[in-house]
């Protein structure tokens, strides 16, 4: 998150102010959407001077970018905790855990339905506002950043496939899951259960079959 800030909070009080502003940003996104979000109201609710807001964030987009990065960080922590608790027997089972956590955050995390990992969705399930596909990185699309971060989780598993095949497969899996889950949340406010199940099956089979076939030791 701190890489998206104008300056890194050096004191506990400053860090707490930044977190409050991000919390209020998320709440306002839930209440009024992206168009209704204003820096003035975020500062007011967070009980910080507007000058303090601009010390850390350049504008509304910078604030939302920082929230998206925080969302991604928290998502990865949740997936990591699930991996530790479930001890999946095979790397391909991670897709179910990741999809479950994403859906749970869509249902329960304030503002996540509007801004998850960068894209701004004016309505549930999109389409996204033009130009918000590079919120996490000026060069890479949001989905590519997510795939890279997920790859770091897979790297800790002993039976993982390696090389460019894994990178490409994770990117495709992220894009496919994103499209189907958008459809699920367009269909039902809490995410259509049948479409979520289909998303899990699609991604699980793709990763298991595509990457297993690409491994040098595959039978």
Protein backbone atom coordinates (compact mmCIF):
# COMPACT_ATOMS: atom_id res chain seq x y z
CA UNK A 1 0.00 0.00 0.00
CA UNK A 2 2.71 2.47 0.96
CA UNK A 3 4.12 2.56 -2.58
CA UNK A 4 0.89 4.26 -3.70
CA UNK A 5 1.21 7.05 -1.12
CA UNK A 6 2.76 10.47 -1.62
CA UNK A 7 4.80 9.87 1.51
CA UNK A 8 5.18 6.98 3.91
CA UNK A 9 3.67 7.59 7.36
CA UNK A 10 6.62 7.71 9.75
CA UNK A 11 4.68 7.78 13.01
CA UNK A 12 1.97 5.58 14.45
CA UNK A 13 -0.48 8.49 14.50
CA UNK A 14 0.07 9.15 10.79
CA UNK A 15 -0.32 5.46 9.93
CA UNK A 16 -3.59 5.36 11.87
CA UNK A 17 -4.84 8.42 9.98
CA UNK A 18 -4.04 6.78 6.65
CA UNK A 19 -5.90 3.63 7.68
CA UNK A 20 -8.92 5.69 8.78
CA UNK A 21 -9.00 7.47 5.44
CA UNK A 22 -8.87 4.17 3.58
CA UNK A 23 -11.62 2.77 5.82
CA UNK A 24 -13.84 5.78 5.16
CA UNK A 25 -13.08 5.57 1.44
CA UNK A 26 -14.29 1.97 1.43
CA UNK A 27 -17.45 2.85 3.37
CA UNK A 28 -18.29 5.75 1.07
CA UNK A 29 -17.77 3.60 -2.01
CA UNK A 30 -20.32 1.23 -0.54
CA UNK A 31 -22.75 4.07 0.20
CA UNK A 32 -22.44 6.45 -2.76
CA UNK A 33 -20.26 4.70 -5.35
CA UNK A 34 -17.16 6.04 -7.05
CA UNK A 35 -18.84 9.07 -8.61
CA UNK A 36 -20.17 10.20 -5.24
CA UNK A 37 -16.83 9.76 -3.46
CA UNK A 38 -15.09 13.04 -2.56
CA UNK A 39 -11.80 13.72 -0.84
CA UNK A 40 -13.48 16.33 1.35
CA UNK A 41 -15.99 13.85 2.73
CA UNK A 42 -13.34 11.20 3.29
CA UNK A 43 -11.28 13.68 5.30
CA UNK A 44 -14.32 14.83 7.27
CA UNK A 45 -15.36 11.31 8.23
CA UNK A 46 -11.81 10.30 9.04
CA UNK A 47 -11.54 13.43 11.22
CA UNK A 48 -8.38 14.70 9.53
CA UNK A 49 -7.72 18.12 7.98
CA UNK A 50 -8.04 18.17 4.20
CA UNK A 51 -4.41 19.30 4.09
CA UNK A 52 -3.42 16.09 5.86
CA UNK A 53 -5.30 14.11 3.23
CA UNK A 54 -3.25 15.70 0.46
CA UNK A 55 -0.02 15.02 2.32
CA UNK A 56 -0.62 11.32 1.69
CA UNK A 57 -2.86 11.11 -1.40
CA UNK A 58 -2.64 13.23 -4.57
CA UNK A 59 -6.35 12.95 -5.39
CA UNK A 60 -9.38 10.66 -5.28
CA UNK A 61 -7.85 8.21 -7.74
CA UNK A 62 -4.70 7.94 -5.64
CA UNK A 63 -6.82 7.17 -2.59
CA UNK A 64 -8.75 4.46 -4.43
CA UNK A 65 -5.50 3.04 -5.80
CA UNK A 66 -4.17 2.71 -2.25
CA UNK A 67 -7.41 1.02 -1.17
CA UNK A 68 -7.12 -1.46 -4.07
CA UNK A 69 -3.57 -2.33 -3.03
CA UNK A 70 -4.68 -2.81 0.56
CA UNK A 71 -7.50 -5.04 -0.65
CA UNK A 72 -5.02 -7.18 -2.59
CA UNK A 73 -2.66 -7.42 0.39
CA UNK A 74 -5.50 -8.49 2.68
CA UNK A 75 -6.80 -10.99 0.15
CA UNK A 76 -3.39 -12.62 -0.11
CA UNK A 77 -3.10 -12.81 3.68
CA UNK A 78 -6.49 -14.51 3.84
CA UNK A 79 -5.51 -17.00 1.13
CA UNK A 80 -2.19 -17.68 2.89
CA UNK A 81 -4.02 -18.35 6.15
CA UNK A 82 -6.40 -20.72 4.35
CA UNK A 83 -3.46 -22.57 2.82
CA UNK A 84 -1.88 -22.99 6.25
CA UNK A 85 -5.13 -24.25 7.74
CA UNK A 86 -6.19 -26.53 4.87
CA UNK A 87 -2.73 -27.86 3.87
CA UNK A 88 -3.82 -28.57 0.27
CA UNK A 89 -2.39 -31.76 -1.16
CA UNK A 90 -1.73 -30.21 -4.57
CA UNK A 91 -1.07 -26.70 -5.88
CA UNK A 92 -4.10 -26.84 -8.20
CA UNK A 93 -6.40 -26.88 -5.14
CA UNK A 94 -5.34 -23.33 -4.34
CA UNK A 95 -7.78 -22.01 -6.92
CA UNK A 96 -10.81 -23.05 -4.84
CA UNK A 97 -9.36 -21.35 -1.76
CA UNK A 98 -8.61 -18.16 -3.67
CA UNK A 99 -12.07 -18.02 -5.25
CA UNK A 100 -13.75 -18.65 -1.88
CA UNK A 101 -11.84 -15.78 -0.28
CA UNK A 102 -12.54 -13.42 -3.18
CA UNK A 103 -16.26 -14.18 -3.01
CA UNK A 104 -16.27 -13.75 0.77
CA UNK A 105 -14.63 -10.33 0.42
CA UNK A 106 -17.12 -9.32 -2.27
CA UNK A 107 -19.93 -10.19 0.14
CA UNK A 108 -18.57 -8.71 3.34
CA UNK A 109 -15.77 -6.16 2.78
CA UNK A 110 -16.98 -2.55 2.53
CA UNK A 111 -16.38 -1.03 -0.88
CA UNK A 112 -15.00 -4.25 -2.37
CA UNK A 113 -17.96 -4.60 -4.72
CA UNK A 114 -17.03 -1.23 -6.25
CA UNK A 115 -13.21 -1.46 -6.11
CA UNK A 116 -11.56 -4.82 -5.50
CA UNK A 117 -8.05 -4.97 -6.97
CA UNK A 118 -8.13 -1.75 -8.96
CA UNK A 119 -10.99 -1.77 -11.44
CA UNK A 120 -13.81 0.61 -10.56
CA UNK A 121 -17.23 -0.98 -11.06
CA UNK A 122 -20.08 1.57 -11.17
CA UNK A 123 -22.54 -1.34 -10.96
CA UNK A 124 -22.18 -4.89 -9.58
CA UNK A 125 -20.27 -7.10 -11.99
CA UNK A 126 -19.10 -4.25 -14.21
CA UNK A 127 -18.29 -3.15 -16.78
CA UNK A 128 -15.34 -1.30 -15.29
CA UNK A 129 -14.67 2.38 -15.77
CA UNK A 130 -12.30 3.00 -18.67
CA UNK A 131 -8.71 3.49 -17.61
CA UNK A 132 -8.96 1.71 -14.26
CA UNK A 133 -7.28 -1.50 -15.48
CA UNK A 134 -3.87 -0.04 -14.56
CA UNK A 135 -4.64 1.11 -11.02
CA UNK A 136 -2.04 -1.14 -9.38
CA UNK A 137 0.78 -0.57 -11.85
CA UNK A 138 1.47 1.93 -14.62
CA UNK A 139 2.71 -0.80 -16.99
CA UNK A 140 1.00 -4.04 -15.98
CA UNK A 141 -2.74 -4.54 -15.96
CA UNK A 142 -4.35 -5.24 -12.59
CA UNK A 143 -4.89 -8.89 -13.46
CA UNK A 144 -1.20 -9.34 -14.26
CA UNK A 145 -0.24 -7.91 -10.86
CA UNK A 146 -2.69 -10.25 -9.12
CA UNK A 147 -1.29 -13.23 -11.06
CA UNK A 148 2.27 -12.30 -10.05
CA UNK A 149 1.31 -12.05 -6.40
CA UNK A 150 -0.49 -15.41 -6.52
CA UNK A 151 2.56 -16.95 -8.14
CA UNK A 152 4.55 -16.07 -5.03
CA UNK A 153 2.12 -18.20 -2.99
CA UNK A 154 2.44 -21.13 -5.38
CA UNK A 155 6.23 -20.85 -5.20
CA UNK A 156 6.20 -22.30 -1.69
CA UNK A 157 4.64 -25.61 -2.77
CA UNK A 158 7.03 -28.44 -3.55
CA UNK A 159 5.06 -29.88 -6.47
CA UNK A 160 4.57 -26.65 -8.39
CA UNK A 161 5.33 -26.50 -12.13
CA UNK A 162 7.91 -23.87 -12.99
CA UNK A 163 8.82 -21.40 -15.67
CA UNK A 164 6.86 -19.29 -18.09
CA UNK A 165 4.13 -21.93 -18.37
CA UNK A 166 3.07 -21.25 -14.80
CA UNK A 167 3.15 -17.47 -15.30
CA UNK A 168 0.95 -17.66 -18.39
CA UNK A 169 -1.45 -20.17 -16.87
CA UNK A 170 -1.98 -18.08 -13.74
CA UNK A 171 -2.65 -14.98 -15.84
CA UNK A 172 -5.23 -16.87 -17.91
CA UNK A 173 -6.80 -18.34 -14.77
CA UNK A 174 -7.10 -14.90 -13.14
CA UNK A 175 -8.68 -13.40 -16.26
CA UNK A 176 -11.13 -16.31 -16.62
CA UNK A 177 -12.13 -16.26 -12.95
CA UNK A 178 -12.60 -12.49 -13.04
CA UNK A 179 -14.95 -12.71 -16.03
CA UNK A 180 -17.10 -15.50 -14.58
CA UNK A 181 -17.25 -13.96 -11.10
CA UNK A 182 -18.32 -10.62 -12.59
CA UNK A 183 -21.15 -12.51 -14.26
CA UNK A 184 -22.01 -14.21 -10.94
CA UNK A 185 -22.36 -10.85 -9.17
CA UNK A 186 -24.32 -9.31 -12.03
CA UNK A 187 -26.73 -12.21 -11.76
CA UNK A 188 -27.18 -12.05 -7.98
CA UNK A 189 -26.11 -9.42 -5.42
CA UNK A 190 -24.40 -12.08 -3.29
CA UNK A 191 -22.96 -13.93 -6.28
CA UNK A 192 -24.88 -16.64 -8.08
CA UNK A 193 -23.93 -19.94 -6.39
CA UNK A 194 -24.13 -22.02 -9.58
CA UNK A 195 -21.87 -19.63 -11.49
CA UNK A 196 -19.37 -19.54 -8.63
CA UNK A 197 -19.28 -23.34 -8.65
CA UNK A 198 -18.75 -23.31 -12.43
CA UNK A 199 -15.94 -20.80 -12.00
CA UNK A 200 -14.18 -23.10 -9.54
CA UNK A 201 -14.55 -26.08 -11.83
CA UNK A 202 -13.33 -24.13 -14.88
CA UNK A 203 -10.21 -22.78 -13.18
CA UNK A 204 -9.41 -26.00 -11.31
CA UNK A 205 -9.60 -28.13 -14.45
CA UNK A 206 -7.66 -25.63 -16.52
CA UNK A 207 -4.81 -25.43 -14.03
CA UNK A 208 -4.72 -29.15 -13.28
CA UNK A 209 -4.84 -30.28 -16.91
CA UNK A 210 -2.93 -27.48 -18.59
CA UNK A 211 -0.05 -27.22 -16.17
CA UNK A 212 0.23 -30.93 -15.39
CA UNK A 213 0.53 -31.58 -19.13
CA UNK A 214 3.27 -28.96 -19.35
CA UNK A 215 5.44 -30.48 -16.63
CA UNK A 216 8.55 -32.33 -17.83
CA UNK A 217 7.80 -35.29 -15.56
CA UNK A 218 4.17 -35.59 -16.61
CA UNK A 219 3.26 -39.16 -17.64
